[in-house]
Amino acid sequence: MNRKKRHWLWNALIVLTLVACAFAFAVHYKNWHKIEKGEFRILSGIYYQKIPLPTIDSIELVDKLPEMERSNGFSWMVKEKGVFKDSLTQTKVYVFVDDLRQQKIRLVHQDSLKVYLNFKDSLETQKVFQTLKQELLAKLNDPN
């Protein structure tokens, strides 16, 4: 019985592919956010938004995403992430949704840029919403 030996290059390629897939899953697994130095930052894999807090025009909780066309991104089970195009206004919409069944934060900044986001934990979504709402109210109450 003559057994063929697989070339080491193919073995390395298989391992690298598995590592790349595991890395892609890990970085898109959840949304990471940070509020500091007057900016709200949200990251999920290759999708990243840095929003200066003074540019936030409105913030609200919504139950459902509007009709949109996907420019790039992905949907998988209850996750929806990427860059979409609003079918009514034809503007870019950034979506960072970890659970489509829960409420989402709809954030409008710089007059027309929209971001929809939520987290796996609905309490974390509520906490971020309250923090951003307080920042918006502070901006509105500030006479400068």
Protein backbone atom coordinates (compact mmCIF):
# COMPACT_ATOMS: atom_id res chain seq x y z
CA MET A 1 0.00 0.00 0.00
CA ASN A 2 1.52 3.15 -1.20
CA ARG A 3 0.24 6.20 0.73
CA LYS A 4 0.52 9.65 -0.77
CA LYS A 5 1.82 12.26 1.59
CA ARG A 6 0.04 15.63 1.52
CA HIS A 7 2.32 18.57 0.81
CA TRP A 8 3.09 20.80 3.80
CA LEU A 9 1.85 23.87 1.90
CA TRP A 10 -1.71 22.53 1.77
CA ASN A 11 -1.64 21.75 5.49
CA ALA A 12 -0.44 25.29 6.24
CA LEU A 13 -3.13 26.76 3.98
CA ILE A 14 -5.87 24.78 5.74
CA VAL A 15 -4.65 25.90 9.17
CA LEU A 16 -4.38 29.55 8.07
CA THR A 17 -7.90 29.43 6.64
CA LEU A 18 -9.30 28.06 9.90
CA VAL A 19 -7.44 30.71 11.92
CA ALA A 20 -8.74 33.48 9.62
CA CYS A 21 -12.32 32.23 9.94
CA ALA A 22 -12.05 32.03 13.74
CA PHE A 23 -10.60 35.56 13.85
CA ALA A 24 -13.39 36.94 11.63
CA PHE A 25 -16.00 35.33 13.87
CA ALA A 26 -14.35 36.71 17.03
CA VAL A 27 -14.16 40.32 15.85
CA HIS A 28 -17.77 40.34 14.58
CA TYR A 29 -19.09 38.42 17.58
CA LYS A 30 -20.24 41.55 19.42
CA ASN A 31 -20.26 45.33 19.27
CA TRP A 32 -17.59 47.14 21.24
CA HIS A 33 -18.28 50.71 22.25
CA LYS A 34 -16.60 53.51 24.15
CA ILE A 35 -17.67 57.00 25.14
CA GLU A 36 -14.73 59.23 25.96
CA LYS A 37 -13.20 62.58 25.04
CA GLY A 38 -16.47 63.82 23.59
CA GLU A 39 -16.80 60.94 21.12
CA PHE A 40 -18.90 57.83 20.85
CA ARG A 41 -16.99 55.00 19.17
CA ILE A 42 -18.52 51.74 18.05
CA LEU A 43 -16.63 48.85 16.49
CA SER A 44 -17.68 45.49 15.15
CA GLY A 45 -15.11 43.73 13.03
CA ILE A 46 -14.27 45.90 10.05
CA TYR A 47 -17.19 48.27 10.69
CA TYR A 48 -16.25 51.31 12.76
CA GLN A 49 -17.90 54.62 13.51
CA LYS A 50 -16.53 57.56 15.49
CA ILE A 51 -19.28 60.04 16.29
CA PRO A 52 -18.48 63.34 18.04
CA LEU A 53 -21.13 63.81 20.73
CA PRO A 54 -21.88 67.45 19.79
CA THR A 55 -22.90 66.33 16.27
CA ILE A 56 -25.71 64.07 17.54
CA ASP A 57 -29.04 65.51 16.39
CA SER A 58 -31.48 62.93 17.70
CA ILE A 59 -31.62 59.61 19.47
CA GLU A 60 -34.53 57.26 19.99
CA LEU A 61 -35.39 53.62 20.56
CA VAL A 62 -37.07 51.78 17.69
CA ASP A 63 -38.49 48.27 17.50
CA LYS A 64 -37.83 47.59 13.84
CA LEU A 65 -35.27 48.55 11.20
CA PRO A 66 -36.64 50.40 8.15
CA GLU A 67 -36.45 49.00 4.63
CA MET A 68 -32.85 49.29 3.42
CA GLU A 69 -30.61 47.97 0.69
CA ARG A 70 -27.31 46.41 1.75
CA SER A 71 -24.20 48.05 0.32
CA ASN A 72 -21.92 45.70 2.22
CA GLY A 73 -22.24 43.73 5.40
CA PHE A 74 -23.97 40.60 6.55
CA SER A 75 -27.02 39.16 8.25
CA TRP A 76 -26.80 35.99 10.23
CA MET A 77 -29.59 34.66 12.44
CA VAL A 78 -30.40 37.69 14.67
CA LYS A 79 -27.33 39.76 13.77
CA GLU A 80 -27.26 42.50 11.17
CA LYS A 81 -24.09 44.50 10.55
CA GLY A 82 -22.72 46.66 7.79
CA VAL A 83 -23.34 49.67 5.63
CA PHE A 84 -26.80 49.99 4.11
CA LYS A 85 -28.59 52.50 1.90
CA ASP A 86 -31.89 53.98 3.06
CA SER A 87 -34.43 53.18 0.34
CA LEU A 88 -36.28 56.48 0.82
CA THR A 89 -33.49 59.06 1.16
CA GLN A 90 -30.67 57.10 -0.54
CA THR A 91 -28.29 57.98 2.33
CA LYS A 92 -25.79 55.71 4.07
CA VAL A 93 -26.98 53.95 7.20
CA TYR A 94 -24.59 52.10 9.51
CA VAL A 95 -26.07 49.09 11.28
CA PHE A 96 -24.52 47.46 14.37
CA VAL A 97 -27.32 45.17 15.56
CA ASP A 98 -26.50 42.14 17.72
CA ASP A 99 -30.14 41.08 18.24
CA LEU A 100 -32.89 42.00 15.77
CA ARG A 101 -35.59 40.93 18.25
CA GLN A 102 -34.68 43.65 20.75
CA GLN A 103 -35.08 47.41 20.57
CA LYS A 104 -32.47 49.32 18.63
CA ILE A 105 -30.97 52.75 19.21
CA ARG A 106 -31.55 55.03 16.21
CA LEU A 107 -28.94 57.77 16.28
CA VAL A 108 -28.91 60.62 13.75
CA HIS A 109 -25.81 62.80 13.56
CA GLN A 110 -24.55 65.52 11.26
CA ASP A 111 -28.13 66.16 10.09
CA SER A 112 -28.62 63.00 8.05
CA LEU A 113 -26.20 60.19 8.93
CA LYS A 114 -28.01 57.36 10.69
CA VAL A 115 -26.70 54.61 12.92
CA TYR A 116 -28.77 51.73 14.27
CA LEU A 117 -27.25 49.74 17.10
CA ASN A 118 -27.98 47.46 19.97
CA PHE A 119 -26.19 44.90 22.08
CA LYS A 120 -26.92 41.30 23.06
CA ASP A 121 -27.77 42.50 26.55
CA SER A 122 -30.84 44.74 26.47
CA LEU A 123 -29.74 46.39 29.73
CA GLU A 124 -26.50 47.48 28.08
CA THR A 125 -28.52 48.91 25.18
CA GLN A 126 -30.66 50.87 27.65
CA LYS A 127 -27.58 52.11 29.52
CA VAL A 128 -25.90 53.39 26.33
CA PHE A 129 -29.20 54.97 25.22
CA GLN A 130 -29.56 56.83 28.53
CA THR A 131 -25.94 58.02 28.43
CA LEU A 132 -26.27 59.33 24.88
CA LYS A 133 -29.65 60.91 25.67
CA GLN A 134 -28.09 62.77 28.62
CA GLU A 135 -25.30 64.01 26.35
CA LEU A 136 -27.87 65.25 23.82
CA LEU A 137 -29.90 67.02 26.54
CA ALA A 138 -26.73 68.63 27.92
CA LYS A 139 -25.95 69.89 24.41
CA LEU A 140 -29.46 71.34 24.01
CA ASN A 141 -29.34 73.05 27.42
CA ASP A 142 -25.89 74.52 26.83
CA PRO A 143 -26.26 78.11 25.53
CA ASN A 144 -22.89 77.97 23.67
